[in-house]
Structures are given as C-alpha cells and as structure tokens.
C-alpha cells in the first residue's frame, strides 16, 4: 500500500502543503478529531504524529516519511476504527488538478474540504485580537480588529468578547459562521453555473476582499470579477482578479501571490499556495 505523499511531513520534514494536509487528515481520522486540517505543520501536528507513533514505536521521532511505517499505519488504522477504507484518499489539496468539470447551479455547491484547508492556511489561526492591516496584536479596539481565521470584530462592544483571546474551537466556530454567511450572500449574486473549483476560488476570494457594498462601491458585489462571471463584461478575468492586489493602501507581493493562487484554483483546480 503506497501513500500519496511526495515528501516527508513532521519534525524536520519537508512539509509541503498538500503532504501536510494528507497527514493531518489521516491523523484526524485515527484518534485525533480535534486536529485542524490546515496544511500547517505546527507543534500540534508534530505532537499528534509522535502520539500516534507511540502505538507502535519505542522512540517516536515525529516524522512521517514517504512509504514509511507511520504513513502505512495511518492508512490502515481507519479500518480498525470502523471508518473508511484504509486506502481512501484524503481531501485533495495538492498540485494535482481537481477541476470540477461540469458546471452546476451555485445553490447546489458548497466550499470543498480542500478549499477550506487552503483558505485557513492563508488566513492563519490567531487566538488574540490583531489589526488586520499589519498583523500586530492589539489590546484595544480599532477598526480592522480581527481574530481567529480572519474574523472581523464588530465594534468596541464585540471586542470585549475577544480581548482576552479565544481557543481553537471558538475560532472554528467563527470561521464556519463567516464562510456560511459569505456563501449565502454571494450565491444570490451569481447568475451563471460554476464548476466546483471555480466556486471554491470565488468564495476564497470573497472571504478576503469582502462581500462589499453598492453604496460604498467596494467589495465583490461591485467588482468586475462578478460582472465577468455573470457574462456582463468581456474584460479578462485574470486582469480583473489581479486588480485586488492592495493591502493597507499598497501593492504587496503577498496579496498578488494569493490572487494568483486563487486563479490557479479557478482555472486548474490546483489547491496550493
């Protein structure tokens, strides 16, 4: 039985995004249900690898090697716990195209696991309030105060709920609420059917730039990208998408790279940074 890992994952591993997703997914279904599948090989992922290895190794090293004992055990553990087949694939989040192919009404679609993993990887988990423009932690409310996976804090009163920080469970709860709200509102704007990867790319994009406002002429609701998707503009979608390259009033390489990654999801179904 061979895994789909391309490189090692864990302590001193290569830790490519799609490989980390693979390992986290299998750990989550092998006795670590609270592990976040986000493509980041942090301390919790390494600790989970070591804890899993203690079941069969006297000296756990926290490293999952390609076709090594740990990945083979992770693949086979699921069946002993009554879960899916041991060779069932993890959600794809790799350089392998997973283009949806057939376009469907957006009301039939929802954000896929691989899109969710990529989105969380971009947003990063922050358990203390921070200023979105700079990433700096804050102790008092300012406009742009954020927490968790890019959750915008709504005013001074709301800030009181978060000023002392939150845990990972609360972060996931806020994320689910935010992405649900974005999906519900954005679906109402889209007139044409989309493939799964096109839909995922749009939702990742909207999560970052915001749904927006017609009155303030900002966000996705007034964007050229929406007009192109709805067949109301002949502008090149890549050019329109890449217009959204500013952070704190300045063009930044990080934002440009994110836009290119989103377009790779949109066109090719490749879920990678």
Protein backbone atom coordinates (compact mmCIF):
# COMPACT_ATOMS: atom_id res chain seq x y z
CA UNK A 1 0.00 0.00 0.00
CA UNK A 2 1.51 3.31 -1.09
CA UNK A 3 0.62 6.78 0.13
CA UNK A 4 0.17 9.88 -1.98
CA UNK A 5 2.89 11.72 -0.02
CA UNK A 6 5.54 13.31 -2.18
CA UNK A 7 7.84 14.42 0.67
CA UNK A 8 8.26 13.85 4.41
CA UNK A 9 5.99 15.52 6.96
CA UNK A 10 6.66 16.40 10.60
CA UNK A 11 9.72 17.19 12.68
CA UNK A 12 12.45 18.35 10.25
CA UNK A 13 10.26 17.20 7.37
CA UNK A 14 9.95 18.96 4.01
CA UNK A 15 6.32 19.75 4.91
CA UNK A 16 4.81 20.63 1.57
CA UNK A 17 1.31 22.00 1.95
CA UNK A 18 -0.52 19.13 0.21
CA UNK A 19 1.51 16.48 2.07
CA UNK A 20 0.71 18.06 5.44
CA UNK A 21 -2.99 18.06 4.50
CA UNK A 22 -2.74 14.33 3.76
CA UNK A 23 -1.15 13.51 7.13
CA UNK A 24 -3.42 15.81 9.15
CA UNK A 25 -6.50 14.31 7.53
CA UNK A 26 -5.39 10.77 8.36
CA UNK A 27 -4.43 11.71 11.92
CA UNK A 28 -7.82 13.35 12.41
CA UNK A 29 -9.48 10.04 11.48
CA UNK A 30 -7.06 7.97 13.55
CA UNK A 31 -7.87 9.21 17.02
CA UNK A 32 -7.16 12.97 16.85
CA UNK A 33 -10.56 14.50 15.97
CA UNK A 34 -9.62 17.99 17.23
CA UNK A 35 -6.60 18.34 14.94
CA UNK A 36 -7.11 21.17 12.45
CA UNK A 37 -6.53 20.21 8.81
CA UNK A 38 -4.93 23.42 7.57
CA UNK A 39 -1.71 22.44 5.79
CA UNK A 40 0.49 23.96 8.52
CA UNK A 41 2.84 21.50 10.21
CA UNK A 42 2.96 23.17 13.62
CA UNK A 43 3.59 21.87 17.12
CA UNK A 44 0.14 20.27 17.42
CA UNK A 45 0.59 18.28 14.23
CA UNK A 46 4.07 17.09 15.25
CA UNK A 47 2.74 16.19 18.71
CA UNK A 48 -0.09 14.20 17.15
CA UNK A 49 2.38 12.35 14.91
CA UNK A 50 4.50 11.44 17.94
CA UNK A 51 1.47 10.37 19.95
CA UNK A 52 0.30 8.18 17.08
CA UNK A 53 3.77 6.66 16.71
CA UNK A 54 3.80 5.67 20.38
CA UNK A 55 1.31 2.95 19.45
CA UNK A 56 3.99 1.05 17.55
CA UNK A 57 7.38 2.76 18.09
CA UNK A 58 9.51 2.80 21.22
CA UNK A 59 11.19 6.05 20.16
CA UNK A 60 8.72 8.24 18.22
CA UNK A 61 10.54 10.74 16.01
CA UNK A 62 7.57 12.90 14.92
CA UNK A 63 8.39 12.36 11.25
CA UNK A 64 6.15 10.74 8.61
CA UNK A 65 8.31 9.51 5.75
CA UNK A 66 7.14 8.65 2.24
CA UNK A 67 6.01 5.00 2.26
CA UNK A 68 7.38 4.62 5.80
CA UNK A 69 5.84 2.75 8.72
CA UNK A 70 3.90 5.76 10.05
CA UNK A 71 2.01 6.57 6.86
CA UNK A 72 1.25 2.88 6.33
CA UNK A 73 -0.18 2.68 9.86
CA UNK A 74 -2.17 5.86 9.33
CA UNK A 75 -3.69 4.36 6.19
CA UNK A 76 -4.59 1.10 7.90
CA UNK A 77 -5.81 2.49 11.24
CA UNK A 78 -9.07 3.84 9.81
CA UNK A 79 -10.45 0.42 9.02
CA UNK A 80 -9.77 -0.88 12.52
CA UNK A 81 -11.75 2.05 13.93
CA UNK A 82 -14.71 1.39 11.67
CA UNK A 83 -14.08 4.35 9.40
CA UNK A 84 -13.49 4.46 5.68
CA UNK A 85 -11.36 2.00 3.74
CA UNK A 86 -7.67 2.23 4.66
CA UNK A 87 -6.73 3.41 1.20
CA UNK A 88 -9.48 6.04 1.00
CA UNK A 89 -7.95 9.30 -0.25
CA UNK A 90 -7.70 12.39 1.88
CA UNK A 91 -9.29 15.57 0.52
CA UNK A 92 -7.05 16.78 -2.28
CA UNK A 93 -5.06 19.90 -1.59
CA UNK A 94 -2.14 19.48 -3.90
CA UNK A 95 -0.64 20.27 -7.24
CA UNK A 96 -2.82 17.59 -8.82
CA UNK A 97 -5.69 19.17 -10.81
CA UNK A 98 -9.12 18.52 -9.31
CA UNK A 99 -11.14 20.60 -11.74
CA UNK A 100 -14.87 20.17 -11.21
CA UNK A 101 -15.54 19.79 -14.96
CA UNK A 102 -19.34 20.05 -15.07
CA UNK A 103 -20.82 23.41 -14.18
CA UNK A 104 -23.71 23.39 -11.73
CA UNK A 105 -26.10 25.89 -10.22
CA UNK A 106 -24.21 27.52 -7.34
CA UNK A 107 -27.08 26.69 -4.98
CA UNK A 108 -26.05 23.04 -5.36
CA UNK A 109 -22.45 23.75 -4.34
CA UNK A 110 -20.61 24.40 -1.08
CA UNK A 111 -16.97 25.08 -0.21
CA UNK A 112 -14.95 21.88 -0.58
CA UNK A 113 -12.59 20.46 2.10
CA UNK A 114 -9.53 21.31 0.02
CA UNK A 115 -10.71 24.89 -0.44
CA UNK A 116 -11.36 25.20 3.27
CA UNK A 117 -7.86 23.93 4.05
CA UNK A 118 -6.28 26.41 1.63
CA UNK A 119 -8.36 29.29 2.95
CA UNK A 120 -7.42 28.55 6.57
CA UNK A 121 -3.80 28.25 5.55
CA UNK A 122 -3.94 31.74 4.05
CA UNK A 123 -5.81 33.34 6.92
CA UNK A 124 -3.71 31.63 9.63
CA UNK A 125 -5.03 30.97 13.12
CA UNK A 126 -4.73 33.91 15.53
CA UNK A 127 -6.05 33.39 19.04
CA UNK A 128 -5.53 37.00 20.16
CA UNK A 129 -7.03 40.14 18.58
CA UNK A 130 -4.85 41.77 15.92
CA UNK A 131 -5.00 44.62 13.42
CA UNK A 132 -5.73 43.13 10.02
CA UNK A 133 -3.61 45.59 8.01
CA UNK A 134 -0.39 44.93 9.95
CA UNK A 135 -0.92 41.64 11.78
CA UNK A 136 0.09 43.31 15.06
CA UNK A 137 -1.66 42.19 18.26
CA UNK A 138 -3.93 44.81 19.85
CA UNK A 139 -5.37 45.25 23.33
CA UNK A 140 -7.97 47.90 22.45
CA UNK A 141 -10.50 48.07 19.64
CA UNK A 142 -9.60 49.75 16.36
CA UNK A 143 -11.34 49.47 13.01
CA UNK A 144 -9.98 46.36 11.34
CA UNK A 145 -9.62 44.39 14.59
CA UNK A 146 -9.58 40.70 13.70
CA UNK A 147 -9.26 37.31 15.42
CA UNK A 148 -9.31 33.59 14.62
CA UNK A 149 -9.32 32.80 10.90
CA UNK A 150 -9.76 36.35 9.64
CA UNK A 151 -12.94 37.05 11.67
CA UNK A 152 -13.63 40.79 11.73
CA UNK A 153 -14.54 42.11 15.20
CA UNK A 154 -17.62 44.29 15.01
CA UNK A 155 -17.06 47.33 17.21
CA UNK A 156 -15.97 48.04 20.78
CA UNK A 157 -18.79 46.05 22.35
CA UNK A 158 -17.93 42.97 20.33
CA UNK A 159 -14.24 43.44 21.14
CA UNK A 160 -15.00 42.80 24.82
CA UNK A 161 -15.87 39.21 23.89
CA UNK A 162 -12.44 38.65 22.37
CA UNK A 163 -9.99 40.94 24.16
CA UNK A 164 -8.61 38.10 26.30
CA UNK A 165 -8.30 35.75 23.36
CA UNK A 166 -10.17 32.64 22.23
CA UNK A 167 -9.41 28.95 21.75
CA UNK A 168 -9.18 26.92 18.55
CA UNK A 169 -12.72 25.57 18.90
CA UNK A 170 -14.14 29.08 19.05
CA UNK A 171 -12.01 30.07 16.04
CA UNK A 172 -13.51 27.24 14.01
CA UNK A 173 -16.99 28.22 15.13
CA UNK A 174 -16.42 31.81 13.95
CA UNK A 175 -14.97 30.57 10.68
CA UNK A 176 -17.98 28.34 9.97
CA UNK A 177 -20.30 31.26 10.68
CA UNK A 178 -18.32 33.62 8.43
CA UNK A 179 -17.99 31.27 5.46
CA UNK A 180 -21.68 30.30 5.70
CA UNK A 181 -22.69 33.96 5.64
CA UNK A 182 -20.41 34.64 2.66
CA UNK A 183 -21.73 31.65 0.72
CA UNK A 184 -25.38 32.55 1.33
CA UNK A 185 -24.95 36.17 0.23
CA UNK A 186 -22.56 35.53 -2.66
CA UNK A 187 -24.73 32.80 -4.21
CA UNK A 188 -27.50 35.36 -4.63
CA UNK A 189 -25.22 37.48 -6.83
CA UNK A 190 -24.03 34.74 -9.21
CA UNK A 191 -26.28 34.14 -12.21
CA UNK A 192 -24.29 31.51 -14.10
CA UNK A 193 -23.37 27.93 -13.12
CA UNK A 194 -19.81 27.19 -11.96
CA UNK A 195 -17.59 24.16 -11.58
CA UNK A 196 -16.61 23.13 -8.05
CA UNK A 197 -13.13 24.66 -8.34
CA UNK A 198 -14.48 27.91 -9.86
CA UNK A 199 -16.94 28.16 -6.99
CA UNK A 200 -14.22 27.46 -4.41
CA UNK A 201 -11.94 30.14 -5.89
CA UNK A 202 -14.71 32.73 -5.80
CA UNK A 203 -15.53 32.02 -2.15
CA UNK A 204 -11.87 32.16 -1.11
CA UNK A 205 -11.62 35.47 -3.00
CA UNK A 206 -14.74 36.95 -1.39
CA UNK A 207 -13.65 35.84 2.07
CA UNK A 208 -10.58 38.00 1.61
CA UNK A 209 -11.86 41.10 -0.22
CA UNK A 210 -15.28 41.17 1.44
CA UNK A 211 -18.83 40.92 0.12
CA UNK A 212 -18.91 44.71 -0.02
CA UNK A 213 -21.49 47.40 -0.51
CA UNK A 214 -23.11 49.01 -3.56
CA UNK A 215 -23.45 52.32 -1.73
CA UNK A 216 -19.73 52.45 -0.93
CA UNK A 217 -18.73 50.91 -4.29
CA UNK A 218 -16.48 48.34 -2.66
CA UNK A 219 -16.07 44.58 -2.35
CA UNK A 220 -17.18 41.69 -4.53
CA UNK A 221 -20.71 42.99 -5.12
CA UNK A 222 -19.44 45.83 -7.35
CA UNK A 223 -16.35 44.05 -8.74
CA UNK A 224 -15.52 43.46 -12.39
CA UNK A 225 -14.94 39.81 -11.46
CA UNK A 226 -18.63 39.37 -10.63
CA UNK A 227 -19.65 41.04 -13.89
CA UNK A 228 -17.39 38.68 -15.86
CA UNK A 229 -18.76 35.60 -14.09
CA UNK A 230 -22.30 36.78 -14.84
CA UNK A 231 -21.48 37.40 -18.51
CA UNK A 232 -21.87 41.15 -18.16
CA UNK A 233 -18.27 42.09 -19.01
CA UNK A 234 -15.72 41.00 -21.61
CA UNK A 235 -12.70 42.01 -19.54
CA UNK A 236 -10.12 39.25 -18.98
CA UNK A 237 -10.93 37.62 -15.63
CA UNK A 238 -7.26 37.29 -14.64
CA UNK A 239 -6.71 41.01 -15.15
CA UNK A 240 -9.84 41.87 -13.15
CA UNK A 241 -8.96 39.42 -10.37
CA UNK A 242 -5.41 40.77 -10.06
CA UNK A 243 -6.67 44.32 -9.59
CA UNK A 244 -7.25 43.30 -5.98
CA UNK A 245 -3.57 43.46 -5.03
CA UNK A 246 -3.54 46.09 -2.30
CA UNK A 247 -3.03 45.77 1.45
CA UNK A 248 -3.11 48.84 3.67
CA UNK A 249 -3.18 51.01 0.53
CA UNK A 250 -0.08 49.47 -1.01
CA UNK A 251 0.54 46.80 -3.64
CA UNK A 252 2.06 43.80 -1.86
CA UNK A 253 3.72 40.66 -3.19
CA UNK A 254 1.87 38.52 -0.64
CA UNK A 255 -1.54 39.66 -1.88
CA UNK A 256 -0.50 39.22 -5.52
CA UNK A 257 0.65 35.67 -4.77
CA UNK A 258 -2.66 34.93 -3.08
CA UNK A 259 -4.59 36.21 -6.09
CA UNK A 260 -2.51 34.02 -8.41
CA UNK A 261 -3.16 31.03 -6.15
CA UNK A 262 -6.90 31.72 -6.25
CA UNK A 263 -6.77 31.90 -10.05
CA UNK A 264 -4.94 28.58 -10.12
CA UNK A 265 -7.85 27.09 -8.19
CA UNK A 266 -10.35 28.79 -10.52
CA UNK A 267 -8.78 27.71 -13.80
CA UNK A 268 -6.97 24.48 -12.95
CA UNK A 269 -8.40 23.12 -9.72
CA UNK A 270 -4.97 23.30 -8.05
CA UNK A 271 -5.33 23.96 -4.33
CA UNK A 272 -1.86 25.16 -3.32
CA UNK A 273 -0.20 28.40 -2.28
